[in-house]
Protein backbone atom coordinates (compact mmCIF):
# COMPACT_ATOMS: atom_id res chain seq x y z
CA UNK A 1 0.00 0.00 0.00
CA UNK A 2 1.36 3.41 -0.97
CA UNK A 3 2.19 5.93 1.76
CA UNK A 4 -0.35 8.48 0.51
CA UNK A 5 -3.00 5.73 0.37
CA UNK A 6 -2.31 4.74 3.98
CA UNK A 7 -2.30 8.42 5.05
CA UNK A 8 -5.66 8.97 3.32
CA UNK A 9 -7.15 5.93 5.08
CA UNK A 10 -5.95 7.30 8.43
CA UNK A 11 -7.49 10.72 7.74
CA UNK A 12 -10.81 9.17 6.65
CA UNK A 13 -10.91 6.93 9.72
CA UNK A 14 -10.23 9.87 12.06
CA UNK A 15 -12.89 12.00 10.31
CA UNK A 16 -15.53 9.26 10.62
CA UNK A 17 -14.59 8.77 14.27
CA UNK A 18 -15.39 12.48 14.79
CA UNK A 19 -18.66 12.23 12.83
CA UNK A 20 -20.88 12.04 15.96
CA UNK A 21 -19.24 15.10 17.59
CA UNK A 22 -20.73 18.29 16.13
CA UNK A 23 -18.18 20.39 18.00
CA UNK A 24 -15.39 18.75 15.94
CA UNK A 25 -17.03 19.59 12.63
CA UNK A 26 -14.16 21.87 11.60
CA UNK A 27 -11.53 19.19 12.30
CA UNK A 28 -13.59 16.68 10.34
CA UNK A 29 -13.77 18.99 7.34
CA UNK A 30 -10.02 19.66 7.46
CA UNK A 31 -9.30 15.92 7.36
CA UNK A 32 -11.69 15.44 4.43
CA UNK A 33 -10.17 18.40 2.63
CA UNK A 34 -6.66 16.92 3.13
CA UNK A 35 -7.74 13.61 1.56
CA UNK A 36 -9.37 15.45 -1.37
CA UNK A 37 -6.18 17.54 -1.91
CA UNK A 38 -3.97 14.43 -1.98
CA UNK A 39 -6.32 12.63 -4.40
CA UNK A 40 -6.79 15.72 -6.58
CA UNK A 41 -3.05 16.35 -6.80
CA UNK A 42 -2.47 12.70 -7.74
CA UNK A 43 -5.05 12.87 -10.53
CA UNK A 44 -3.46 16.10 -11.76
CA UNK A 45 -0.11 14.37 -11.93
CA UNK A 46 -1.66 11.62 -14.10
CA UNK A 47 -3.51 14.13 -16.26
CA UNK A 48 -0.62 16.53 -16.90
CA UNK A 49 2.26 14.05 -16.66
CA UNK A 50 3.70 16.11 -13.85
CA UNK A 51 5.43 15.25 -10.61
CA UNK A 52 4.56 17.48 -7.66
CA UNK A 53 6.77 15.54 -5.28
CA UNK A 54 3.90 14.35 -3.12
CA UNK A 55 4.27 10.65 -4.00
CA UNK A 56 7.49 10.19 -2.04
CA UNK A 57 7.26 13.20 0.25
CA UNK A 58 7.30 11.14 3.44
CA UNK A 59 8.95 7.89 2.33
CA UNK A 60 10.82 6.90 -0.83
CA UNK A 61 9.72 3.91 -2.89
CA UNK A 62 12.87 1.73 -3.30
CA UNK A 63 11.28 -0.84 -5.58
CA UNK A 64 12.63 -1.47 -9.08
CA UNK A 65 11.32 1.10 -11.61
CA UNK A 66 10.09 -1.77 -13.74
CA UNK A 67 7.53 -2.62 -11.10
CA UNK A 68 6.09 0.89 -10.98
CA UNK A 69 6.23 3.68 -13.54
CA UNK A 70 5.31 6.18 -10.83
CA UNK A 71 6.98 5.17 -7.55
CA UNK A 72 4.90 5.90 -4.45
CA UNK A 73 1.85 7.06 -6.47
CA UNK A 74 -1.57 5.59 -5.83
CA UNK A 75 -3.63 4.18 -8.70
CA UNK A 76 -5.99 6.35 -10.74
CA UNK A 77 -9.11 4.51 -9.50
CA UNK A 78 -7.82 4.77 -5.91
CA UNK A 79 -7.31 8.53 -6.31
CA UNK A 80 -10.82 8.93 -7.74
CA UNK A 81 -12.32 7.01 -4.78
CA UNK A 82 -10.38 9.10 -2.25
CA UNK A 83 -11.46 12.31 -4.01
CA UNK A 84 -15.11 11.23 -3.72
CA UNK A 85 -14.77 10.15 -0.09
CA UNK A 86 -12.85 13.28 0.92
CA UNK A 87 -15.50 15.49 -0.68
CA UNK A 88 -18.28 13.55 1.08
CA UNK A 89 -16.49 13.93 4.43
CA UNK A 90 -16.10 17.69 3.90
CA UNK A 91 -19.85 18.12 3.49
CA UNK A 92 -20.83 15.64 6.21
CA UNK A 93 -23.69 17.11 8.25
CA UNK A 94 -25.01 19.33 5.46
CA UNK A 95 -28.64 18.47 4.71
CA UNK A 96 -28.57 20.25 1.34
CA UNK A 97 -25.61 18.17 0.13
CA UNK A 98 -27.12 14.86 1.29
CA UNK A 99 -27.96 13.48 -2.22
CA UNK A 100 -24.54 14.44 -3.57
CA UNK A 101 -22.75 12.86 -0.60
CA UNK A 102 -24.64 9.59 -0.97
CA UNK A 103 -23.95 9.46 -4.72
CA UNK A 104 -20.21 9.98 -4.12
CA UNK A 105 -20.00 7.27 -1.45
CA UNK A 106 -22.18 4.83 -3.45
CA UNK A 107 -19.95 5.36 -6.52
CA UNK A 108 -16.86 4.60 -4.42
CA UNK A 109 -18.54 1.48 -3.08
CA UNK A 110 -19.26 0.39 -6.65
CA UNK A 111 -15.61 0.99 -7.70
CA UNK A 112 -14.29 -1.12 -4.78
CA UNK A 113 -16.88 -3.86 -5.40
CA UNK A 114 -15.89 -4.06 -9.09
CA UNK A 115 -12.21 -4.30 -8.14
CA UNK A 116 -12.85 -7.08 -5.61
CA UNK A 117 -14.88 -9.01 -8.20
CA UNK A 118 -11.98 -8.59 -10.61
CA UNK A 119 -9.59 -10.16 -8.14
CA UNK A 120 -12.09 -12.92 -7.28
CA UNK A 121 -12.70 -13.87 -10.93
CA UNK A 122 -9.20 -13.06 -12.21
CA UNK A 123 -10.37 -10.26 -14.52
CA UNK A 124 -7.52 -7.73 -14.45
CA UNK A 125 -9.37 -5.07 -16.43
CA UNK A 126 -11.79 -4.68 -13.49
CA UNK A 127 -9.05 -3.53 -11.08
CA UNK A 128 -6.42 -2.08 -13.40
CA UNK A 129 -6.83 0.92 -15.69
CA UNK A 130 -3.30 0.63 -17.11
CA UNK A 131 -0.54 -1.79 -16.45
CA UNK A 132 1.05 0.71 -14.09
CA UNK A 133 -2.14 1.87 -12.31
CA UNK A 134 -3.60 -1.07 -10.44
CA UNK A 135 -5.72 -0.86 -7.29
CA UNK A 136 -4.70 -3.44 -4.70
CA UNK A 137 -7.09 -5.98 -3.22
CA UNK A 138 -6.41 -4.69 0.27
CA UNK A 139 -7.04 -1.11 -0.93
CA UNK A 140 -10.35 -2.19 -2.49
CA UNK A 141 -11.41 -3.89 0.75
CA UNK A 142 -10.37 -0.82 2.73
CA UNK A 143 -12.37 1.51 0.50
CA UNK A 144 -15.46 -0.71 0.83
CA UNK A 145 -15.01 -0.71 4.64
CA UNK A 146 -14.77 3.11 4.64
CA UNK A 147 -18.02 3.32 2.62
CA UNK A 148 -19.83 1.03 5.05
CA UNK A 149 -18.42 3.01 8.01
CA UNK A 150 -19.60 6.25 6.40
CA UNK A 151 -23.19 5.02 6.18
CA UNK A 152 -23.07 3.65 9.74
CA UNK A 153 -21.79 7.02 10.99
CA UNK A 154 -24.92 8.72 9.61
CA UNK A 155 -27.78 6.39 10.64
CA UNK A 156 -30.45 9.09 10.52
CA UNK A 157 -29.89 10.29 6.98
CA UNK A 158 -31.54 9.29 3.71
CA UNK A 159 -31.67 5.65 2.71
CA UNK A 160 -29.67 4.62 5.78
CA UNK A 161 -32.43 5.92 8.05
CA UNK A 162 -34.96 3.81 6.11
CA UNK A 163 -32.75 0.72 6.38
CA UNK A 164 -32.34 1.23 10.14
CA UNK A 165 -36.08 1.68 10.76
CA UNK A 166 -38.60 -0.96 11.86
CA UNK A 167 -40.80 -0.35 8.84
CA UNK A 168 -41.46 -2.81 6.03
CA UNK A 169 -39.08 -0.86 3.80
CA UNK A 170 -36.35 -1.20 6.41
CA UNK A 171 -36.84 -4.97 6.62
CA UNK A 172 -36.71 -5.30 2.82
CA UNK A 173 -33.53 -3.23 2.54
CA UNK A 174 -31.72 -5.05 5.34
CA UNK A 175 -32.51 -8.45 3.86
CA UNK A 176 -32.35 -7.93 0.12
CA UNK A 177 -29.43 -5.56 -0.44
CA UNK A 178 -26.69 -7.64 1.33
CA UNK A 179 -28.00 -10.82 -0.26
CA UNK A 180 -28.23 -9.30 -3.74
CA UNK A 181 -24.62 -8.15 -3.42
CA UNK A 182 -23.06 -11.23 -1.79
CA UNK A 183 -24.97 -14.26 -3.18
CA UNK A 184 -24.37 -13.68 -6.94
CA UNK A 185 -20.66 -13.04 -6.26
CA UNK A 186 -20.31 -16.26 -4.27
CA UNK A 187 -22.27 -18.32 -6.79
CA UNK A 188 -20.23 -16.86 -9.64
CA UNK A 189 -17.01 -17.72 -7.85
CA UNK A 190 -18.11 -21.31 -7.23
CA UNK A 191 -19.24 -21.74 -10.86
CA UNK A 192 -15.95 -20.32 -12.15
CA UNK A 193 -13.93 -22.61 -9.86
CA UNK A 194 -15.88 -25.63 -11.20
CA UNK A 195 -15.20 -24.63 -14.79
CA UNK A 196 -11.48 -24.17 -14.13
CA UNK A 197 -11.23 -27.64 -12.60
CA UNK A 198 -13.02 -29.12 -15.66
CA UNK A 199 -16.14 -30.35 -13.86
CA UNK A 200 -18.41 -28.83 -16.52
CA UNK A 201 -18.28 -26.58 -19.54
CA UNK A 202 -19.20 -22.90 -19.85
CA UNK A 203 -22.90 -23.30 -20.86
CA UNK A 204 -23.49 -25.60 -17.91
CA UNK A 205 -21.69 -23.18 -15.61
CA UNK A 206 -23.80 -20.27 -16.80
CA UNK A 207 -26.92 -22.38 -16.23
CA UNK A 208 -25.78 -23.13 -12.68
CA UNK A 209 -25.13 -19.43 -12.09
CA UNK A 210 -28.58 -18.43 -13.33
CA UNK A 211 -30.45 -21.20 -11.52
CA UNK A 212 -28.52 -20.68 -8.30
CA UNK A 213 -29.20 -16.95 -8.36
CA UNK A 214 -32.89 -17.55 -9.10
CA UNK A 215 -33.22 -20.08 -6.31
CA UNK A 216 -31.44 -17.98 -3.67
CA UNK A 217 -33.26 -14.81 -4.59
CA UNK A 218 -36.62 -16.62 -4.70
CA UNK A 219 -36.08 -18.06 -1.20
CA UNK A 220 -35.00 -14.64 0.02
CA UNK A 221 -38.06 -13.00 -1.54
CA UNK A 222 -40.37 -15.57 0.08
CA UNK A 223 -38.78 -15.10 3.51
CA UNK A 224 -38.95 -11.35 3.14
CA UNK A 225 -42.60 -11.49 2.05
CA UNK A 226 -43.49 -13.64 5.05
CA UNK A 227 -41.73 -11.29 7.46
CA UNK A 228 -43.33 -8.29 5.80
CA UNK A 229 -46.74 -9.93 6.02
CA UNK A 230 -46.28 -10.60 9.73
CA UNK A 231 -45.14 -7.04 10.31
CA UNK A 232 -48.09 -5.69 8.38
CA UNK A 233 -50.46 -7.86 10.42
CA UNK A 234 -48.99 -6.65 13.67
CA UNK A 235 -49.02 -3.09 12.45
CA UNK A 236 -52.62 -3.44 11.29
CA UNK A 237 -53.64 -4.75 14.71
CA UNK A 238 -51.74 -1.95 16.42
CA UNK A 239 -53.35 0.64 14.16
CA UNK A 240 -56.81 -0.87 14.74
CA UNK A 241 -56.23 -0.87 18.50
CA UNK A 242 -54.99 2.70 18.37
CA UNK A 243 -57.95 3.80 16.28
CA UNK A 244 -60.38 2.07 18.65
CA UNK A 245 -58.77 3.74 21.64
CA UNK A 246 -58.82 7.10 19.92
CA UNK A 247 -62.48 6.57 19.07
CA UNK A 248 -63.22 5.65 22.69
CA UNK A 249 -61.34 8.75 23.80
CA UNK A 250 -63.33 10.91 21.39
CA UNK A 251 -66.59 9.37 22.59
CA UNK A 252 -65.56 9.93 26.19
CA UNK A 253 -64.51 13.52 25.55
CA UNK A 254 -67.71 14.23 23.64
CA UNK A 255 -70.04 12.61 26.19
CA UNK A 256 -68.39 13.60 29.47
CA UNK A 257 -70.73 15.91 31.44
CA UNK A 258 -68.13 18.65 31.69
CA UNK A 259 -66.52 21.21 29.44
CA UNK A 260 -63.64 19.28 27.83
CA UNK A 261 -61.73 20.06 24.64
CA UNK A 262 -58.90 18.12 23.00
CA UNK A 263 -56.35 20.07 20.92
CA UNK A 264 -53.37 19.13 18.76
CA UNK A 265 -49.98 20.87 19.03
CA UNK A 266 -51.20 23.74 16.83
CA UNK A 267 -54.21 24.33 19.13
CA UNK A 268 -56.66 22.98 16.57
CA UNK A 269 -59.72 21.16 17.91
CA UNK A 270 -59.52 17.37 17.80
CA UNK A 271 -62.65 16.70 19.87
CA UNK A 272 -64.99 18.64 22.18
CA UNK A 273 -67.64 17.63 24.67
CA UNK A 274 -71.28 18.58 24.25
CA UNK A 275 -71.06 20.57 27.49
CA UNK A 276 -68.20 22.66 26.05
CA UNK A 277 -70.31 23.46 22.98
CA UNK A 278 -73.27 24.40 25.18
CA UNK A 279 -71.18 26.61 27.49
CA UNK A 280 -69.58 28.55 24.64
CA UNK A 281 -72.51 28.46 22.20
CA UNK A 282 -70.76 26.63 19.34
CA UNK A 283 -71.52 23.55 17.25
CA UNK A 284 -69.05 20.64 17.38
CA UNK A 285 -69.17 20.22 13.59
CA UNK A 286 -68.10 23.85 13.21
CA UNK A 287 -65.30 23.52 15.78
CA UNK A 288 -63.35 20.39 14.81
CA UNK A 289 -60.19 21.19 12.88
CA UNK A 290 -60.38 24.92 13.56
CA UNK A 291 -57.89 26.91 15.58
CA UNK A 292 -58.88 27.75 19.15
CA UNK A 293 -57.51 31.28 18.69
CA UNK A 294 -59.51 31.73 15.50
CA UNK A 295 -62.71 30.67 17.24
CA UNK A 296 -62.07 32.86 20.29
CA UNK A 297 -59.92 35.82 19.16
CA UNK A 298 -60.46 37.61 22.50
CA UNK A 299 -58.58 34.99 24.54
CA UNK A 300 -56.27 36.77 27.04
CA UNK A 301 -52.52 36.66 26.43
CA UNK A 302 -52.00 35.03 29.83
CA UNK A 303 -54.04 32.02 28.66
CA UNK A 304 -51.94 31.75 25.50
CA UNK A 305 -48.88 31.63 27.76
CA UNK A 306 -50.57 28.86 29.77
CA UNK A 307 -51.07 26.90 26.53
CA UNK A 308 -47.39 27.35 25.60
CA UNK A 309 -46.27 26.12 29.02
CA UNK A 310 -48.62 23.13 28.83
CA UNK A 311 -47.27 22.24 25.36
CA UNK A 312 -43.85 22.19 27.03
CA UNK A 313 -45.11 19.48 29.41
CA UNK A 314 -46.60 21.37 32.40
CA UNK A 315 -50.01 20.82 33.99
CA UNK A 316 -51.67 24.05 35.11
CA UNK A 317 -55.00 24.88 36.78
CA UNK A 318 -56.98 27.76 38.26
CA UNK A 319 -59.99 27.53 40.58
CA UNK A 320 -61.39 30.78 39.22
CA UNK A 321 -60.22 33.04 36.42
CA UNK A 322 -61.77 36.12 34.90
CA UNK A 323 -62.35 36.47 31.16
CA UNK A 324 -63.49 39.92 30.03
CA UNK A 325 -65.38 39.47 26.77
CA UNK A 326 -67.37 41.83 24.57
CA UNK A 327 -70.64 40.41 25.87
CA UNK A 328 -69.58 40.74 29.52
CA UNK A 329 -67.35 39.09 32.06
CA UNK A 330 -67.13 35.28 32.17
CA UNK A 331 -65.67 33.39 35.13
CA UNK A 332 -64.01 30.04 34.41
CA UNK A 333 -62.47 27.24 36.47
CA UNK A 334 -59.95 25.40 34.28
CA UNK A 335 -57.20 22.83 34.09
CA UNK A 336 -54.80 22.38 31.16
CA UNK A 337 -52.65 19.27 30.77
CA UNK A 338 -50.71 17.72 27.86
CA UNK A 339 -51.66 14.42 26.24
CA UNK A 340 -49.12 12.11 24.60
CA UNK A 341 -49.02 9.68 21.68
CA UNK A 342 -48.19 5.99 22.08
CA UNK A 343 -44.54 6.69 21.29
CA UNK A 344 -44.37 9.17 24.16
CA UNK A 345 -44.28 12.29 22.00
CA UNK A 346 -46.52 15.18 23.00
CA UNK A 347 -49.71 15.15 20.95
CA UNK A 348 -51.45 18.28 22.20
CA UNK A 349 -53.54 19.58 25.10
CA UNK A 350 -56.59 18.56 27.10
CA UNK A 351 -58.49 21.53 28.50
CA UNK A 352 -61.05 21.05 31.25
CA UNK A 353 -63.13 24.21 31.68
CA UNK A 354 -66.19 24.92 33.80
CA UNK A 355 -68.05 28.19 33.48
CA UNK A 356 -68.72 29.44 37.01
CA UNK A 357 -70.12 32.85 36.10
CA UNK A 358 -73.49 32.13 37.72
CA UNK A 359 -71.82 30.82 40.85
CA UNK A 360 -69.67 33.95 41.06
CA UNK A 361 -72.76 36.11 40.56
CA UNK A 362 -74.52 34.24 43.35
CA UNK A 363 -71.48 34.62 45.59
CA UNK A 364 -71.36 38.33 44.83
CA UNK A 365 -75.11 38.62 45.42
CA UNK A 366 -74.74 36.75 48.71
CA UNK A 367 -71.85 38.99 49.70
CA UNK A 368 -73.91 42.05 48.74
CA UNK A 369 -76.86 40.67 50.71
CA UNK A 370 -74.67 40.12 53.77
CA UNK A 371 -73.39 43.67 53.47
CA UNK A 372 -76.91 45.00 53.17
CA UNK A 373 -78.05 42.93 56.15
CA UNK A 374 -75.26 44.41 58.23
CA UNK A 375 -76.20 47.89 57.02
CA UNK A 376 -79.86 47.14 57.81
CA UNK A 377 -78.95 46.02 61.31
CA UNK A 378 -76.96 49.19 61.83
CA UNK A 379 -79.84 51.31 60.48
CA UNK A 380 -82.31 49.51 62.75
CA UNK A 381 -80.06 50.02 65.73
CA UNK A 382 -79.69 53.69 64.79
CA UNK A 383 -83.48 54.01 64.48
CA UNK A 384 -84.06 52.37 67.84
CA UNK A 385 -81.33 54.54 69.35
CA UNK A 386 -82.91 57.70 67.90
CA UNK A 387 -86.36 56.74 69.15
CA UNK A 388 -85.03 55.96 72.59
CA UNK A 389 -82.91 59.12 72.73
CA UNK A 390 -84.90 61.69 70.79
CA UNK A 391 -88.39 60.60 71.79
CA UNK A 392 -88.65 58.39 74.82
CA UNK A 393 -85.46 59.66 76.43
CA UNK A 394 -86.49 63.32 75.98
CA UNK A 395 -89.97 62.65 77.33
CA UNK A 396 -88.57 60.82 80.35
CA UNK A 397 -86.20 63.75 80.92
CA UNK A 398 -89.13 66.19 80.75
CA UNK A 399 -91.08 63.98 83.12
CA UNK A 400 -88.17 64.00 85.55
CA UNK A 401 -88.01 67.81 85.38
CA UNK A 402 -91.71 68.12 86.10
CA UNK A 403 -91.45 65.71 89.05
CA UNK A 404 -88.57 67.77 90.41
CA UNK A 405 -90.70 70.91 90.10
CA UNK A 406 -93.52 69.17 91.97
CA UNK A 407 -91.05 68.23 94.67
CA UNK A 408 -90.04 71.88 95.05
CA UNK A 409 -93.66 73.10 94.84
CA UNK A 410 -95.95 70.29 96.09
CA UNK A 411 -98.99 72.60 96.29
CA UNK A 412 -99.90 71.97 92.64
CA UNK A 413 -99.23 68.21 92.70
CA UNK A 414 -102.89 67.26 92.99
CA UNK A 415 -103.79 68.92 89.70
CA UNK A 416 -100.64 67.80 87.86
CA UNK A 417 -100.62 64.10 88.77
CA UNK A 418 -103.29 62.94 86.25
CA UNK A 419 -101.39 64.63 83.43
CA UNK A 420 -98.07 63.11 84.54
CA UNK A 421 -99.67 59.71 84.88
CA UNK A 422 -101.05 59.98 81.35
CA UNK A 423 -97.62 60.93 80.00
CA UNK A 424 -96.01 58.01 81.81
CA UNK A 425 -98.59 55.58 80.37
CA UNK A 426 -97.95 56.96 76.88
CA UNK A 427 -94.22 56.44 77.31
CA UNK A 428 -94.86 52.88 78.48
CA UNK A 429 -97.06 52.19 75.45
CA UNK A 430 -94.40 53.53 73.09
CA UNK A 431 -91.74 51.35 74.70
CA UNK A 432 -94.05 48.36 74.41
CA UNK A 433 -94.75 49.15 70.74
CA UNK A 434 -91.03 49.42 70.08
CA UNK A 435 -90.54 46.09 71.81
CA UNK A 436 -93.31 44.50 69.74
CA UNK A 437 -91.64 45.72 66.54
CA UNK A 438 -88.51 43.88 67.58
CA UNK A 439 -90.24 40.77 68.93
CA UNK A 440 -93.99 40.44 69.27
CA UNK A 441 -94.78 38.24 72.25
CA UNK A 442 -98.42 38.18 71.10
CA UNK A 443 -97.40 35.82 68.31
CA UNK A 444 -96.49 33.26 70.96
CA UNK A 445 -99.54 33.75 73.18
CA UNK A 446 -102.30 34.69 70.72
CA UNK A 447 -101.06 32.95 67.55
CA UNK A 448 -99.96 34.31 64.20
CA UNK A 449 -103.30 35.58 62.94
CA UNK A 450 -104.37 37.29 66.18
CA UNK A 451 -100.87 38.64 66.75
CA UNK A 452 -100.75 40.17 63.27
CA UNK A 453 -104.19 41.67 63.72
CA UNK A 454 -103.24 43.17 67.10
CA UNK A 455 -100.01 44.59 65.72
CA UNK A 456 -101.83 46.17 62.75
CA UNK A 457 -104.23 47.89 65.15
CA UNK A 458 -101.41 49.23 67.33
CA UNK A 459 -99.38 50.28 64.29
CA UNK A 460 -102.34 52.14 62.80
CA UNK A 461 -103.01 53.97 66.07
CA UNK A 462 -99.35 55.00 66.39
CA UNK A 463 -98.98 56.14 62.79
CA UNK A 464 -102.48 57.65 62.53
CA UNK A 465 -103.29 55.16 59.76
CA UNK A 466 -106.40 53.21 58.95
CA UNK A 467 -105.54 49.52 58.64
CA UNK A 468 -108.33 47.31 57.29
CA UNK A 469 -107.28 43.79 58.41
CA UNK A 470 -109.32 40.81 57.20
CA UNK A 471 -108.48 37.19 57.88
CA UNK A 472 -109.91 33.78 57.09
CA UNK A 473 -107.42 31.16 58.36
CA UNK A 474 -108.69 27.98 59.96
CA UNK A 475 -105.44 26.01 60.31
CA UNK A 476 -102.83 26.35 63.00
CA UNK A 477 -99.74 27.93 61.44
CA UNK A 478 -96.24 26.73 62.35
CA UNK A 479 -94.11 29.24 64.23
CA UNK A 480 -91.61 29.76 61.39
CA UNK A 481 -94.43 30.37 58.92
CA UNK A 482 -96.20 32.76 61.30
CA UNK A 483 -93.04 34.74 62.08
CA UNK A 484 -92.14 34.92 58.38
CA UNK A 485 -95.58 36.29 57.41
CA UNK A 486 -95.45 38.75 60.35
CA UNK A 487 -92.07 40.13 59.24
CA UNK A 488 -93.34 40.45 55.66
CA UNK A 489 -96.37 42.37 56.97
CA UNK A 490 -94.14 44.66 59.05
CA UNK A 491 -91.83 45.46 56.14
CA UNK A 492 -94.73 46.13 53.76
CA UNK A 493 -96.56 48.35 56.31
CA UNK A 494 -93.44 50.42 57.08
CA UNK A 495 -92.82 50.91 53.34
CA UNK A 496 -96.43 51.97 52.80
CA UNK A 497 -96.27 54.53 55.65
CA UNK A 498 -92.99 55.97 54.29
CA UNK A 499 -93.74 56.04 50.56
CA UNK A 500 -97.43 55.56 49.67
CA UNK A 501 -98.68 59.03 50.61
CA UNK A 502 -102.13 57.71 51.71
CA UNK A 503 -103.61 57.04 55.15
CA UNK A 504 -105.32 53.70 54.50
CA UNK A 505 -103.89 50.20 54.02
CA UNK A 506 -105.76 46.96 53.33
CA UNK A 507 -104.47 43.64 54.65
CA UNK A 508 -106.02 40.29 53.67
CA UNK A 509 -104.95 36.94 55.13
CA UNK A 510 -106.72 33.77 54.09
CA UNK A 511 -106.19 30.07 53.52
CA UNK A 512 -107.16 27.63 50.81
CA UNK A 513 -106.62 23.87 50.63
CA UNK A 514 -102.79 23.93 50.73
CA UNK A 515 -101.62 27.54 50.87
CA UNK A 516 -101.80 30.69 52.96
CA UNK A 517 -102.27 33.98 51.09
CA UNK A 518 -101.26 37.43 52.34
CA UNK A 519 -102.16 40.58 50.37
CA UNK A 520 -101.13 44.09 51.41
CA UNK A 521 -102.42 46.90 49.17
CA UNK A 522 -102.73 50.68 49.12
CA UNK A 523 -103.93 53.27 46.62
CA UNK A 524 -100.87 55.49 46.97
CA UNK A 525 -98.33 56.95 44.58
CA UNK A 526 -96.85 53.55 43.59
CA UNK A 527 -93.37 53.00 42.11
CA UNK A 528 -91.44 51.27 39.32
CA UNK A 529 -90.74 47.74 40.57
CA UNK A 530 -87.76 47.04 38.26
CA UNK A 531 -86.10 50.32 39.13
CA UNK A 532 -86.64 49.70 42.85
CA UNK A 533 -85.08 46.21 42.63
CA UNK A 534 -81.94 47.70 41.07
CA UNK A 535 -81.43 50.16 43.90
CA UNK A 536 -79.17 49.39 46.84
CA UNK A 537 -82.06 49.19 49.33
CA UNK A 538 -82.77 45.98 51.22
CA UNK A 539 -86.56 46.14 51.71
CA UNK A 540 -87.84 44.33 48.61
CA UNK A 541 -84.79 42.03 48.52
CA UNK A 542 -85.32 40.92 52.14
CA UNK A 543 -89.02 40.31 51.45
CA UNK A 544 -88.21 38.07 48.47
CA UNK A 545 -85.60 36.21 50.50
CA UNK A 546 -88.04 35.59 53.37
CA UNK A 547 -90.63 34.22 50.96
CA UNK A 548 -88.00 31.99 49.31
CA UNK A 549 -87.05 30.55 52.70
CA UNK A 550 -90.73 29.68 53.22
CA UNK A 551 -90.82 27.97 49.77
CA UNK A 552 -93.44 30.48 48.69
CA UNK A 553 -93.88 33.07 45.95
CA UNK A 554 -94.23 36.84 46.04
CA UNK A 555 -95.62 39.17 43.38
CA UNK A 556 -95.24 42.94 43.67
CA UNK A 557 -97.61 44.90 41.46
CA UNK A 558 -97.09 48.64 41.32
CA UNK A 559 -97.02 51.49 38.88
CA UNK A 560 -96.51 55.19 39.47
CA UNK A 561 -99.80 56.82 40.57
CA UNK A 562 -101.61 53.46 40.57
CA UNK A 563 -100.92 52.18 44.07
CA UNK A 564 -99.14 49.05 45.20
CA UNK A 565 -100.25 45.46 45.85
CA UNK A 566 -98.06 42.76 47.37
CA UNK A 567 -99.27 39.16 46.96
CA UNK A 568 -97.63 36.38 48.96
CA UNK A 569 -98.40 32.66 48.64
CA UNK A 570 -96.87 30.23 51.10
CA UNK A 571 -97.53 26.46 51.14
CA UNK A 572 -98.84 24.87 54.30
CA UNK A 573 -96.68 21.97 55.55
CA UNK A 574 -98.36 18.58 55.57
CA UNK A 575 -97.02 17.77 59.02
CA UNK A 576 -96.17 20.52 61.46
CA UNK A 577 -93.17 19.49 63.49
CA UNK A 578 -92.51 22.95 64.94
CA UNK A 579 -94.26 24.92 67.65
CA UNK A 580 -97.76 26.18 66.73
CA UNK A 581 -98.65 29.85 66.73
CA UNK A 582 -102.02 30.16 64.98
């Protein structure tokens, strides 16, 4: 082997050893370039009959000149193969040069294979271009080994990637190509050896070659077909199983009683549940295959960031999240998690979303109600405090002053005592009335109907109102029902005194087969019910809430200048387990 040939083999081996290290790409290219320079210079020497001094630069060839016209110079075919391999090594890793690289290496493989066949069959013209330019058998074997090593160093590129795969094409390539290359060569060698020993003549040898090749290739084709058939069967079963599981998943996603959507990596809909479509007012047939961001262009940027993080493998959730849309604010509880394919690669996202807008509205309404109740308690306490201080307290103070005057001047006590006694009784009645407003003991002793009638009479006398109370209740009312109706009556009467502008109120309380009816009406100025419900006051809201707690219904009928009528219907319980007040 020539020195330059050995040096080129060393450079190619080192370059292929560095093939898996991307950080050594520059060193790999330098080695390939060195091989290409040596081969190119050698071919130039042959072409221009020149001597650049590279043939014996490192070592001198001491053989007889008759054995080599160009001492130390590699053969023309060897130089061509090294030029191809060096060029392929220089561009190793370049995707654009992949076809060119494979053509160069495949051509070198073909050159070396032809030379080896020439040595095997004794055909000198296959390994020698001229009598002084012959490629050695060891050089041919080395070049073939370098070609094989090149393909093994790049297992993920081109036809090599197909051959290394578990697909049917990979099985066919791995079985057919080596056999197609090796078997005819071996059969040809055996046939030629038989002819040379005189066992048979040339026609018979050719027949053996043809029949042997046909037989071997037929057996190989049958074995390959059987293996391919088995692989296709297994693959078909795997695909059928995968499709059935995907169909089950789609059915589950579609039928699950929750808002669920399945997306691919590009956030296109793969499947959605019926609940999702109902929550967001879309049709599933219009959603599948479309982009989530196209369907909902007003999605907040923070949710897009959540999707990006989930596509990176995270699972994220939020118990409540606000979404400000054109039609109003929507509250959502959500969870986003990735889903994966059978091979472990990330397939997309699963989004579980529940619209909780109504729940948030109820929570806000409850919070607002609690605030109003606290405000109402404070207002009631302030009212009671004012009545005690400004009215009863002042009158008691005046009474104390008058008693002190009588103590200083007892001569007029006889004439003043009836007046003082009357004032004291009036104060006592007012305190009792205030106490009854807070808690009417008559409800406990007289029952709901009698207690309400007595309170209406006292209220009318205090407020200088005419209260027409009519009742027709034969059943005994439970305590909670009686107290609830009493508080409704109180609230309605106080509202009528404050806002109606008239001095007469009608109250009707009666019973039918299963319900108790309470109607409070006046012919006053009236009001707009919808506008009143939107105000921050608690009166009408508390009345509706009391009726709801009694499982009843309330209807408020009022218009400006047409009076007001409040109709309450409350069901009678079938069995009264509480204390009786009627």
